[in-house]
């Protein structure tokens, strides 16, 4: 969070609404550890990362939905070992991401 805090604070000073996505749990293997964060502004700007690839796009969309509704949610993304091998990855894994609107 420290690496994106200045960006989030700047967005808030500019009157932007911001959603924060935080990896809260990892099962097996994942590109990012628990505590990794990605912030998304209502202008569409992004800071940080929770995973990579197509998961980032899915989390971005969840963040936009949370900004619109104000309702936080826990989302899960995963791939089995078999699917991972089919796609050239060494192993599968699952991440659980909590997405919330920052109302401060």
PDB file of N, CA and C in Angstrom:
ATOM      1  N   UNK A   1       0.824  -1.200   0.000  1.00  0.00           N
ATOM      2  CA  UNK A   1       0.000   0.000   0.000  1.00  0.00           C
ATOM      3  C   UNK A   1       0.860   1.251   0.000  1.00  0.00           C
ATOM      4  N   UNK A   2       2.012   1.198   0.657  1.00  0.00           N
ATOM      5  CA  UNK A   2       2.852   2.386   0.736  1.00  0.00           C
ATOM      6  C   UNK A   2       3.254   2.909  -0.633  1.00  0.00           C
ATOM      7  N   UNK A   3       3.452   1.995  -1.592  1.00  0.00           N
ATOM      8  CA  UNK A   3       3.912   2.406  -2.915  1.00  0.00           C
ATOM      9  C   UNK A   3       2.841   3.139  -3.715  1.00  0.00           C
ATOM     10  N   UNK A   4       1.575   3.010  -3.349  1.00  0.00           N
ATOM     11  CA  UNK A   4       0.520   3.708  -4.088  1.00  0.00           C
ATOM     12  C   UNK A   4      -0.174   4.784  -3.257  1.00  0.00           C
ATOM     13  N   UNK A   5       0.198   4.922  -1.997  1.00  0.00           N
ATOM     14  CA  UNK A   5      -0.493   5.846  -1.098  1.00  0.00           C
ATOM     15  C   UNK A   5      -0.465   7.284  -1.607  1.00  0.00           C
ATOM     16  N   UNK A   6       0.682   7.738  -2.079  1.00  0.00           N
ATOM     17  CA  UNK A   6       0.762   9.113  -2.579  1.00  0.00           C
ATOM     18  C   UNK A   6      -0.169   9.323  -3.766  1.00  0.00           C
ATOM     19  N   UNK A   7      -0.258   8.339  -4.638  1.00  0.00           N
ATOM     20  CA  UNK A   7      -1.146   8.434  -5.798  1.00  0.00           C
ATOM     21  C   UNK A   7      -2.599   8.507  -5.352  1.00  0.00           C
ATOM     22  N   UNK A   8      -2.980   7.633  -4.422  1.00  0.00           N
ATOM     23  CA  UNK A   8      -4.356   7.628  -3.919  1.00  0.00           C
ATOM     24  C   UNK A   8      -4.684   8.956  -3.245  1.00  0.00           C
ATOM     25  N   UNK A   9      -3.773   9.456  -2.433  1.00  0.00           N
ATOM     26  CA  UNK A   9      -4.005  10.740  -1.767  1.00  0.00           C
ATOM     27  C   UNK A   9      -4.170  11.869  -2.787  1.00  0.00           C
ATOM     28  N   UNK A  10      -3.384  11.850  -3.850  1.00  0.00           N
ATOM     29  CA  UNK A  10      -3.503  12.876  -4.897  1.00  0.00           C
ATOM     30  C   UNK A  10      -4.859  12.781  -5.583  1.00  0.00           C
ATOM     31  N   UNK A  11      -5.282  11.564  -5.892  1.00  0.00           N
ATOM     32  CA  UNK A  11      -6.604  11.399  -6.501  1.00  0.00           C
ATOM     33  C   UNK A  11      -7.690  11.944  -5.589  1.00  0.00           C
ATOM     34  N   UNK A  12      -7.606  11.632  -4.304  1.00  0.00           N
ATOM     35  CA  UNK A  12      -8.618  12.100  -3.354  1.00  0.00           C
ATOM     36  C   UNK A  12      -8.606  13.632  -3.245  1.00  0.00           C
ATOM     37  N   UNK A  13      -7.409  14.238  -3.226  1.00  0.00           N
ATOM     38  CA  UNK A  13      -7.312  15.703  -3.187  1.00  0.00           C
ATOM     39  C   UNK A  13      -7.954  16.328  -4.414  1.00  0.00           C
ATOM     40  N   UNK A  14      -7.880  15.632  -5.546  1.00  0.00           N
ATOM     41  CA  UNK A  14      -8.484  16.118  -6.790  1.00  0.00           C
ATOM     42  C   UNK A  14      -9.983  15.843  -6.864  1.00  0.00           C
ATOM     43  N   UNK A  15     -10.535  15.279  -5.798  1.00  0.00           N
ATOM     44  CA  UNK A  15     -11.971  15.022  -5.762  1.00  0.00           C
ATOM     45  C   UNK A  15     -12.399  13.726  -6.420  1.00  0.00           C
ATOM     46  N   UNK A  16     -11.453  12.857  -6.725  1.00  0.00           N
ATOM     47  CA  UNK A  16     -11.766  11.585  -7.359  1.00  0.00           C
ATOM     48  C   UNK A  16     -12.282  10.591  -6.326  1.00  0.00           C
ATOM     49  N   UNK A  17     -13.165   9.712  -6.756  1.00  0.00           N
ATOM     50  CA  UNK A  17     -13.543   8.557  -5.942  1.00  0.00           C
ATOM     51  C   UNK A  17     -12.555   7.451  -6.261  1.00  0.00           C
ATOM     52  N   UNK A  18     -12.247   6.633  -5.252  1.00  0.00           N
ATOM     53  CA  UNK A  18     -11.216   5.608  -5.413  1.00  0.00           C
ATOM     54  C   UNK A  18     -11.704   4.291  -4.826  1.00  0.00           C
ATOM     55  N   UNK A  19     -11.445   3.213  -5.552  1.00  0.00           N
ATOM     56  CA  UNK A  19     -11.688   1.864  -5.035  1.00  0.00           C
ATOM     57  C   UNK A  19     -10.332   1.223  -4.790  1.00  0.00           C
ATOM     58  N   UNK A  20     -10.270   0.426  -3.733  1.00  0.00           N
ATOM     59  CA  UNK A  20      -9.045  -0.275  -3.388  1.00  0.00           C
ATOM     60  C   UNK A  20      -9.319  -1.773  -3.400  1.00  0.00           C
ATOM     61  N   UNK A  21      -8.490  -2.506  -4.136  1.00  0.00           N
ATOM     62  CA  UNK A  21      -8.578  -3.965  -4.198  1.00  0.00           C
ATOM     63  C   UNK A  21      -7.363  -4.521  -3.473  1.00  0.00           C
ATOM     64  N   UNK A  22      -7.599  -5.416  -2.500  1.00  0.00           N
ATOM     65  CA  UNK A  22      -6.516  -5.965  -1.687  1.00  0.00           C
ATOM     66  C   UNK A  22      -6.553  -7.486  -1.731  1.00  0.00           C
ATOM     67  N   UNK A  23      -5.417  -8.104  -2.026  1.00  0.00           N
ATOM     68  CA  UNK A  23      -5.313  -9.562  -1.953  1.00  0.00           C
ATOM     69  C   UNK A  23      -5.364  -9.935  -0.478  1.00  0.00           C
ATOM     70  N   UNK A  24      -6.387 -10.698  -0.088  1.00  0.00           N
ATOM     71  CA  UNK A  24      -6.533 -11.070   1.322  1.00  0.00           C
ATOM     72  C   UNK A  24      -6.131 -12.508   1.602  1.00  0.00           C
ATOM     73  N   UNK A  25      -6.085 -13.350   0.550  1.00  0.00           N
ATOM     74  CA  UNK A  25      -5.684 -14.742   0.739  1.00  0.00           C
ATOM     75  C   UNK A  25      -5.201 -15.313  -0.588  1.00  0.00           C
ATOM     76  N   UNK A  26      -4.198 -16.164  -0.505  1.00  0.00           N
ATOM     77  CA  UNK A  26      -3.665 -16.866  -1.669  1.00  0.00           C
ATOM     78  C   UNK A  26      -3.654 -18.354  -1.364  1.00  0.00           C
ATOM     79  N   UNK A  27      -4.142 -19.162  -2.298  1.00  0.00           N
ATOM     80  CA  UNK A  27      -4.073 -20.619  -2.183  1.00  0.00           C
ATOM     81  C   UNK A  27      -3.150 -21.127  -3.276  1.00  0.00           C
ATOM     82  N   UNK A  28      -2.194 -21.934  -2.908  1.00  0.00           N
ATOM     83  CA  UNK A  28      -1.182 -22.469  -3.828  1.00  0.00           C
ATOM     84  C   UNK A  28      -0.263 -21.350  -4.285  1.00  0.00           C
ATOM     85  N   UNK A  29      -0.213 -21.081  -5.578  1.00  0.00           N
ATOM     86  CA  UNK A  29       0.729 -20.119  -6.143  1.00  0.00           C
ATOM     87  C   UNK A  29      -0.022 -18.920  -6.705  1.00  0.00           C
ATOM     88  N   UNK A  30       0.601 -17.734  -6.585  1.00  0.00           N
ATOM     89  CA  UNK A  30       0.022 -16.519  -7.165  1.00  0.00           C
ATOM     90  C   UNK A  30       1.142 -15.509  -7.390  1.00  0.00           C
ATOM     91  N   UNK A  31       0.967 -14.626  -8.365  1.00  0.00           N
ATOM     92  CA  UNK A  31       2.006 -13.635  -8.651  1.00  0.00           C
ATOM     93  C   UNK A  31       2.232 -12.634  -7.520  1.00  0.00           C
ATOM     94  N   UNK A  32       1.201 -12.358  -6.724  1.00  0.00           N
ATOM     95  CA  UNK A  32       1.303 -11.367  -5.650  1.00  0.00           C
ATOM     96  C   UNK A  32       0.875 -11.998  -4.328  1.00  0.00           C
ATOM     97  N   UNK A  33       1.481 -11.536  -3.257  1.00  0.00           N
ATOM     98  CA  UNK A  33       1.184 -12.037  -1.917  1.00  0.00           C
ATOM     99  C   UNK A  33       0.000 -11.308  -1.297  1.00  0.00           C
ATOM    100  N   UNK A  34      -0.572 -11.885  -0.225  1.00  0.00           N
ATOM    101  CA  UNK A  34      -1.599 -11.161   0.523  1.00  0.00           C
ATOM    102  C   UNK A  34      -1.063  -9.792   0.957  1.00  0.00           C
ATOM    103  N   UNK A  35      -1.937  -8.810   0.890  1.00  0.00           N
ATOM    104  CA  UNK A  35      -1.547  -7.443   1.201  1.00  0.00           C
ATOM    105  C   UNK A  35      -1.255  -6.615  -0.037  1.00  0.00           C
ATOM    106  N   UNK A  36      -1.077  -7.269  -1.182  1.00  0.00           N
ATOM    107  CA  UNK A  36      -0.861  -6.529  -2.428  1.00  0.00           C
ATOM    108  C   UNK A  36      -2.135  -5.762  -2.772  1.00  0.00           C
ATOM    109  N   UNK A  37      -1.968  -4.553  -3.292  1.00  0.00           N
ATOM    110  CA  UNK A  37      -3.132  -3.706  -3.552  1.00  0.00           C
ATOM    111  C   UNK A  37      -3.088  -3.080  -4.943  1.00  0.00           C
ATOM    112  N   UNK A  38      -4.277  -2.776  -5.412  1.00  0.00           N
ATOM    113  CA  UNK A  38      -4.458  -2.032  -6.651  1.00  0.00           C
ATOM    114  C   UNK A  38      -5.548  -1.004  -6.398  1.00  0.00           C
ATOM    115  N   UNK A  39      -5.266   0.244  -6.728  1.00  0.00           N
ATOM    116  CA  UNK A  39      -6.256   1.307  -6.592  1.00  0.00           C
ATOM    117  C   UNK A  39      -6.751   1.688  -7.979  1.00  0.00           C
ATOM    118  N   UNK A  40      -8.037   2.011  -8.054  1.00  0.00           N
ATOM    119  CA  UNK A  40      -8.662   2.413  -9.312  1.00  0.00           C
ATOM    120  C   UNK A  40      -9.477   3.670  -9.040  1.00  0.00           C
ATOM    121  N   UNK A  41      -9.238   4.709  -9.850  1.00  0.00           N
ATOM    122  CA  UNK A  41     -10.004   5.950  -9.675  1.00  0.00           C
ATOM    123  C   UNK A  41     -11.236   5.935 -10.563  1.00  0.00           C
ATOM    124  N   UNK A  42     -12.182   6.818 -10.242  1.00  0.00           N
ATOM    125  CA  UNK A  42     -13.381   6.912 -11.059  1.00  0.00           C
ATOM    126  C   UNK A  42     -13.083   7.499 -12.439  1.00  0.00           C
ATOM    127  N   UNK A  43     -11.872   8.012 -12.638  1.00  0.00           N
ATOM    128  CA  UNK A  43     -11.452   8.496 -13.954  1.00  0.00           C
ATOM    129  C   UNK A  43     -10.810   7.378 -14.778  1.00  0.00           C
ATOM    130  N   UNK A  44     -10.679   6.187 -14.158  1.00  0.00           N
ATOM    131  CA  UNK A  44     -10.129   5.043 -14.874  1.00  0.00           C
ATOM    132  C   UNK A  44      -8.649   4.816 -14.669  1.00  0.00           C
ATOM    133  N   UNK A  45      -7.998   5.639 -13.856  1.00  0.00           N
ATOM    134  CA  UNK A  45      -6.567   5.465 -13.595  1.00  0.00           C
ATOM    135  C   UNK A  45      -6.353   4.293 -12.647  1.00  0.00           C
ATOM    136  N   UNK A  46      -5.182   3.640 -12.778  1.00  0.00           N
ATOM    137  CA  UNK A  46      -4.852   2.475 -11.963  1.00  0.00           C
ATOM    138  C   UNK A  46      -3.467   2.663 -11.362  1.00  0.00           C
ATOM    139  N   UNK A  47      -3.323   2.237 -10.109  1.00  0.00           N
ATOM    140  CA  UNK A  47      -2.016   2.211  -9.446  1.00  0.00           C
ATOM    141  C   UNK A  47      -1.907   0.895  -8.694  1.00  0.00           C
ATOM    142  N   UNK A  48      -0.753   0.260  -8.761  1.00  0.00           N
ATOM    143  CA  UNK A  48      -0.541  -0.997  -8.050  1.00  0.00           C
ATOM    144  C   UNK A  48      -0.984  -2.189  -8.871  1.00  0.00           C
ATOM    145  N   UNK A  49      -0.925  -3.371  -8.224  1.00  0.00           N
ATOM    146  CA  UNK A  49      -1.249  -4.621  -8.907  1.00  0.00           C
ATOM    147  C   UNK A  49      -1.642  -5.686  -7.894  1.00  0.00           C
ATOM    148  N   UNK A  50      -2.609  -6.508  -8.266  1.00  0.00           N
ATOM    149  CA  UNK A  50      -3.009  -7.630  -7.411  1.00  0.00           C
ATOM    150  C   UNK A  50      -2.698  -8.985  -8.024  1.00  0.00           C
ATOM    151  N   UNK A  51      -2.362  -9.012  -9.307  1.00  0.00           N
ATOM    152  CA  UNK A  51      -2.092 -10.295  -9.931  1.00  0.00           C
ATOM    153  C   UNK A  51      -1.326 -10.130 -11.227  1.00  0.00           C
ATOM    154  N   UNK A  52      -2.023  -9.896 -12.284  1.00  0.00           N
ATOM    155  CA  UNK A  52      -1.429  -9.776 -13.606  1.00  0.00           C
ATOM    156  C   UNK A  52      -2.383 -10.355 -14.633  1.00  0.00           C
ATOM    157  N   UNK A  53      -2.106 -10.098 -15.872  1.00  0.00           N
ATOM    158  CA  UNK A  53      -2.907 -10.665 -16.945  1.00  0.00           C
ATOM    159  C   UNK A  53      -4.377 -10.317 -16.873  1.00  0.00           C
ATOM    160  N   UNK A  54      -5.207 -11.301 -17.202  1.00  0.00           N
ATOM    161  CA  UNK A  54      -6.648 -11.069 -17.286  1.00  0.00           C
ATOM    162  C   UNK A  54      -7.284 -10.795 -15.928  1.00  0.00           C
ATOM    163  N   UNK A  55      -6.652 -11.228 -14.849  1.00  0.00           N
ATOM    164  CA  UNK A  55      -7.202 -10.959 -13.518  1.00  0.00           C
ATOM    165  C   UNK A  55      -7.225  -9.460 -13.239  1.00  0.00           C
ATOM    166  N   UNK A  56      -6.190  -8.750 -13.669  1.00  0.00           N
ATOM    167  CA  UNK A  56      -6.155  -7.299 -13.453  1.00  0.00           C
ATOM    168  C   UNK A  56      -7.369  -6.633 -14.091  1.00  0.00           C
ATOM    169  N   UNK A  57      -7.708  -7.040 -15.310  1.00  0.00           N
ATOM    170  CA  UNK A  57      -8.868  -6.470 -15.986  1.00  0.00           C
ATOM    171  C   UNK A  57     -10.167  -6.775 -15.261  1.00  0.00           C
ATOM    172  N   UNK A  58     -10.281  -7.984 -14.744  1.00  0.00           N
ATOM    173  CA  UNK A  58     -11.487  -8.365 -14.004  1.00  0.00           C
ATOM    174  C   UNK A  58     -11.597  -7.576 -12.701  1.00  0.00           C
ATOM    175  N   UNK A  59     -10.483  -7.400 -12.009  1.00  0.00           N
ATOM    176  CA  UNK A  59     -10.489  -6.627 -10.760  1.00  0.00           C
ATOM    177  C   UNK A  59     -10.799  -5.165 -11.059  1.00  0.00           C
ATOM    178  N   UNK A  60     -10.277  -4.645 -12.149  1.00  0.00           N
ATOM    179  CA  UNK A  60     -10.579  -3.272 -12.566  1.00  0.00           C
ATOM    180  C   UNK A  60     -12.093  -3.097 -12.724  1.00  0.00           C
ATOM    181  N   UNK A  61     -12.744  -4.044 -13.395  1.00  0.00           N
ATOM    182  CA  UNK A  61     -14.194  -3.956 -13.588  1.00  0.00           C
ATOM    183  C   UNK A  61     -14.935  -4.041 -12.257  1.00  0.00           C
ATOM    184  N   UNK A  62     -14.493  -4.935 -11.370  1.00  0.00           N
ATOM    185  CA  UNK A  62     -15.107  -5.021 -10.032  1.00  0.00           C
ATOM    186  C   UNK A  62     -14.967  -3.683  -9.311  1.00  0.00           C
ATOM    187  N   UNK A  63     -13.798  -3.058  -9.425  1.00  0.00           N
ATOM    188  CA  UNK A  63     -13.567  -1.769  -8.773  1.00  0.00           C
ATOM    189  C   UNK A  63     -14.511  -0.705  -9.326  1.00  0.00           C
ATOM    190  N   UNK A  64     -14.707  -0.687 -10.627  1.00  0.00           N
ATOM    191  CA  UNK A  64     -15.650   0.269 -11.222  1.00  0.00           C
ATOM    192  C   UNK A  64     -17.065   0.038 -10.703  1.00  0.00           C
ATOM    193  N   UNK A  65     -17.450  -1.236 -10.572  1.00  0.00           N
ATOM    194  CA  UNK A  65     -18.777  -1.555 -10.037  1.00  0.00           C
ATOM    195  C   UNK A  65     -18.905  -1.114  -8.581  1.00  0.00           C
ATOM    196  N   UNK A  66     -17.852  -1.310  -7.799  1.00  0.00           N
ATOM    197  CA  UNK A  66     -17.869  -0.894  -6.389  1.00  0.00           C
ATOM    198  C   UNK A  66     -17.942   0.627  -6.294  1.00  0.00           C
ATOM    199  N   UNK A  67     -17.225   1.328  -7.162  1.00  0.00           N
ATOM    200  CA  UNK A  67     -17.311   2.791  -7.163  1.00  0.00           C
ATOM    201  C   UNK A  67     -18.737   3.256  -7.429  1.00  0.00           C
ATOM    202  N   UNK A  68     -19.414   2.589  -8.346  1.00  0.00           N
ATOM    203  CA  UNK A  68     -20.783   2.974  -8.703  1.00  0.00           C
ATOM    204  C   UNK A  68     -21.785   2.627  -7.610  1.00  0.00           C
ATOM    205  N   UNK A  69     -21.631   1.456  -6.996  1.00  0.00           N
ATOM    206  CA  UNK A  69     -22.631   0.982  -6.034  1.00  0.00           C
ATOM    207  C   UNK A  69     -22.303   1.347  -4.590  1.00  0.00           C
ATOM    208  N   UNK A  70     -21.012   1.487  -4.281  1.00  0.00           N
ATOM    209  CA  UNK A  70     -20.603   1.731  -2.898  1.00  0.00           C
ATOM    210  C   UNK A  70     -20.557   0.476  -2.054  1.00  0.00           C
ATOM    211  N   UNK A  71     -20.887  -0.673  -2.652  1.00  0.00           N
ATOM    212  CA  UNK A  71     -20.919  -1.934  -1.900  1.00  0.00           C
ATOM    213  C   UNK A  71     -19.638  -2.721  -2.112  1.00  0.00           C
ATOM    214  N   UNK A  72     -18.930  -2.969  -1.022  1.00  0.00           N
ATOM    215  CA  UNK A  72     -17.700  -3.756  -1.079  1.00  0.00           C
ATOM    216  C   UNK A  72     -18.032  -5.203  -1.413  1.00  0.00           C
ATOM    217  N   UNK A  73     -17.022  -5.918  -1.905  1.00  0.00           N
ATOM    218  CA  UNK A  73     -17.229  -7.334  -2.214  1.00  0.00           C
ATOM    219  C   UNK A  73     -15.918  -8.095  -2.157  1.00  0.00           C
ATOM    220  N   UNK A  74     -16.045  -9.382  -1.934  1.00  0.00           N
ATOM    221  CA  UNK A  74     -14.920 -10.300  -1.969  1.00  0.00           C
ATOM    222  C   UNK A  74     -15.049 -11.126  -3.240  1.00  0.00           C
ATOM    223  N   UNK A  75     -14.015 -11.109  -4.070  1.00  0.00           N
ATOM    224  CA  UNK A  75     -14.036 -11.855  -5.326  1.00  0.00           C
ATOM    225  C   UNK A  75     -12.885 -12.858  -5.341  1.00  0.00           C
ATOM    226  N   UNK A  76     -13.088 -13.942  -6.061  1.00  0.00           N
ATOM    227  CA  UNK A  76     -12.103 -15.021  -6.112  1.00  0.00           C
ATOM    228  C   UNK A  76     -11.780 -15.349  -7.561  1.00  0.00           C
ATOM    229  N   UNK A  77     -10.490 -15.524  -7.821  1.00  0.00           N
ATOM    230  CA  UNK A  77     -10.016 -15.895  -9.148  1.00  0.00           C
ATOM    231  C   UNK A  77      -9.055 -17.059  -8.982  1.00  0.00           C
ATOM    232  N   UNK A  78      -9.201 -18.070  -9.836  1.00  0.00           N
ATOM    233  CA  UNK A  78      -8.313 -19.209  -9.710  1.00  0.00           C
ATOM    234  C   UNK A  78      -8.203 -20.018 -10.980  1.00  0.00           C
ATOM    235  N   UNK A  79      -7.179 -20.846 -10.977  1.00  0.00           N
ATOM    236  CA  UNK A  79      -6.935 -21.745 -12.100  1.00  0.00           C
ATOM    237  C   UNK A  79      -6.389 -23.045 -11.510  1.00  0.00           C
ATOM    238  N   UNK A  80      -6.893 -24.164 -12.002  1.00  0.00           N
ATOM    239  CA  UNK A  80      -6.432 -25.466 -11.505  1.00  0.00           C
ATOM    240  C   UNK A  80      -5.037 -25.766 -12.041  1.00  0.00           C
ATOM    241  N   UNK A  81      -4.366 -26.728 -11.428  1.00  0.00           N
ATOM    242  CA  UNK A  81      -3.049 -27.140 -11.912  1.00  0.00           C
ATOM    243  C   UNK A  81      -3.133 -27.609 -13.359  1.00  0.00           C
ATOM    244  N   UNK A  82      -4.189 -28.349 -13.687  1.00  0.00           N
ATOM    245  CA  UNK A  82      -4.343 -28.858 -15.050  1.00  0.00           C
ATOM    246  C   UNK A  82      -4.504 -27.723 -16.059  1.00  0.00           C
ATOM    247  N   UNK A  83      -5.326 -26.737 -15.712  1.00  0.00           N
ATOM    248  CA  UNK A  83      -5.514 -25.594 -16.600  1.00  0.00           C
ATOM    249  C   UNK A  83      -4.216 -24.801 -16.740  1.00  0.00           C
ATOM    250  N   UNK A  84      -3.500 -24.667 -15.647  1.00  0.00           N
ATOM    251  CA  UNK A  84      -2.239 -23.923 -15.682  1.00  0.00           C
ATOM    252  C   UNK A  84      -1.256 -24.564 -16.650  1.00  0.00           C
ATOM    253  N   UNK A  85      -1.118 -25.861 -16.564  1.00  0.00           N
ATOM    254  CA  UNK A  85      -0.182 -26.574 -17.437  1.00  0.00           C
ATOM    255  C   UNK A  85      -0.589 -26.402 -18.900  1.00  0.00           C
ATOM    256  N   UNK A  86      -1.892 -26.447 -19.180  1.00  0.00           N
ATOM    257  CA  UNK A  86      -2.381 -26.247 -20.546  1.00  0.00           C
ATOM    258  C   UNK A  86      -1.993 -24.876 -21.090  1.00  0.00           C
ATOM    259  N   UNK A  87      -1.865 -23.887 -20.194  1.00  0.00           N
ATOM    260  CA  UNK A  87      -1.548 -22.521 -20.609  1.00  0.00           C
ATOM    261  C   UNK A  87      -0.074 -22.174 -20.410  1.00  0.00           C
ATOM    262  N   UNK A  88       0.748 -23.180 -20.150  1.00  0.00           N
ATOM    263  CA  UNK A  88       2.177 -22.951 -20.045  1.00  0.00           C
ATOM    264  C   UNK A  88       2.660 -22.453 -18.701  1.00  0.00           C
ATOM    265  N   UNK A  89       1.803 -22.536 -17.679  1.00  0.00           N
ATOM    266  CA  UNK A  89       2.196 -22.123 -16.332  1.00  0.00           C
ATOM    267  C   UNK A  89       2.661 -23.347 -15.552  1.00  0.00           C
ATOM    268  N   UNK A  90       3.456 -23.134 -14.529  1.00  0.00           N
ATOM    269  CA  UNK A  90       3.991 -24.267 -13.777  1.00  0.00           C
ATOM    270  C   UNK A  90       2.990 -24.847 -12.783  1.00  0.00           C
ATOM    271  N   UNK A  91       2.072 -24.026 -12.268  1.00  0.00           N
ATOM    272  CA  UNK A  91       1.069 -24.544 -11.334  1.00  0.00           C
ATOM    273  C   UNK A  91      -0.105 -23.577 -11.256  1.00  0.00           C
ATOM    274  N   UNK A  92      -1.186 -24.073 -10.716  1.00  0.00           N
ATOM    275  CA  UNK A  92      -2.381 -23.259 -10.548  1.00  0.00           C
ATOM    276  C   UNK A  92      -2.381 -22.557  -9.212  1.00  0.00           C
ATOM    277  N   UNK A  93      -3.394 -21.764  -8.992  1.00  0.00           N
ATOM    278  CA  UNK A  93      -3.538 -21.054  -7.728  1.00  0.00           C
ATOM    279  C   UNK A  93      -4.821 -20.257  -7.710  1.00  0.00           C
ATOM    280  N   UNK A  94      -5.156 -19.773  -6.527  1.00  0.00           N
ATOM    281  CA  UNK A  94      -6.374 -18.995  -6.328  1.00  0.00           C
ATOM    282  C   UNK A  94      -6.047 -17.784  -5.477  1.00  0.00           C
ATOM    283  N   UNK A  95      -6.622 -16.631  -5.843  1.00  0.00           N
ATOM    284  CA  UNK A  95      -6.497 -15.450  -4.999  1.00  0.00           C
ATOM    285  C   UNK A  95      -7.882 -14.961  -4.616  1.00  0.00           C
ATOM    286  N   UNK A  96      -7.972 -14.430  -3.422  1.00  0.00           N
ATOM    287  CA  UNK A  96      -9.197 -13.813  -2.918  1.00  0.00           C
ATOM    288  C   UNK A  96      -8.889 -12.329  -2.753  1.00  0.00           C
ATOM    289  N   UNK A  97      -9.708 -11.494  -3.370  1.00  0.00           N
ATOM    290  CA  UNK A  97      -9.461 -10.057  -3.408  1.00  0.00           C
ATOM    291  C   UNK A  97     -10.667  -9.325  -2.830  1.00  0.00           C
ATOM    292  N   UNK A  98     -10.415  -8.463  -1.839  1.00  0.00           N
ATOM    293  CA  UNK A  98     -11.465  -7.630  -1.259  1.00  0.00           C
ATOM    294  C   UNK A  98     -11.424  -6.275  -1.951  1.00  0.00           C
ATOM    295  N   UNK A  99     -12.572  -5.858  -2.509  1.00  0.00           N
ATOM    296  CA  UNK A  99     -12.654  -4.603  -3.236  1.00  0.00           C
ATOM    297  C   UNK A  99     -13.616  -3.683  -2.480  1.00  0.00           C
ATOM    298  N   UNK A 100     -13.111  -2.487  -2.154  1.00  0.00           N
ATOM    299  CA  UNK A 100     -13.918  -1.536  -1.387  1.00  0.00           C
ATOM    300  C   UNK A 100     -13.718  -0.116  -1.905  1.00  0.00           C
ATOM    301  N   UNK A 101     -14.714   0.711  -1.670  1.00  0.00           N
ATOM    302  CA  UNK A 101     -14.591   2.126  -2.018  1.00  0.00           C
ATOM    303  C   UNK A 101     -13.988   2.858  -0.824  1.00  0.00           C
ATOM    304  N   UNK A 102     -13.026   3.714  -1.094  1.00  0.00           N
ATOM    305  CA  UNK A 102     -12.423   4.514  -0.036  1.00  0.00           C
ATOM    306  C   UNK A 102     -13.258   5.750   0.157  1.00  0.00           C
ATOM    307  N   UNK A 103     -13.958   5.821   1.259  1.00  0.00           N
ATOM    308  CA  UNK A 103     -14.850   6.957   1.513  1.00  0.00           C
ATOM    309  C   UNK A 103     -14.277   7.911   2.547  1.00  0.00           C
ATOM    310  N   UNK A 104     -12.989   8.126   2.518  1.00  0.00           N
ATOM    311  CA  UNK A 104     -12.363   9.097   3.427  1.00  0.00           C
ATOM    312  C   UNK A 104     -11.834  10.264   2.664  1.00  0.00           C
TER     313      UNK A 104
END
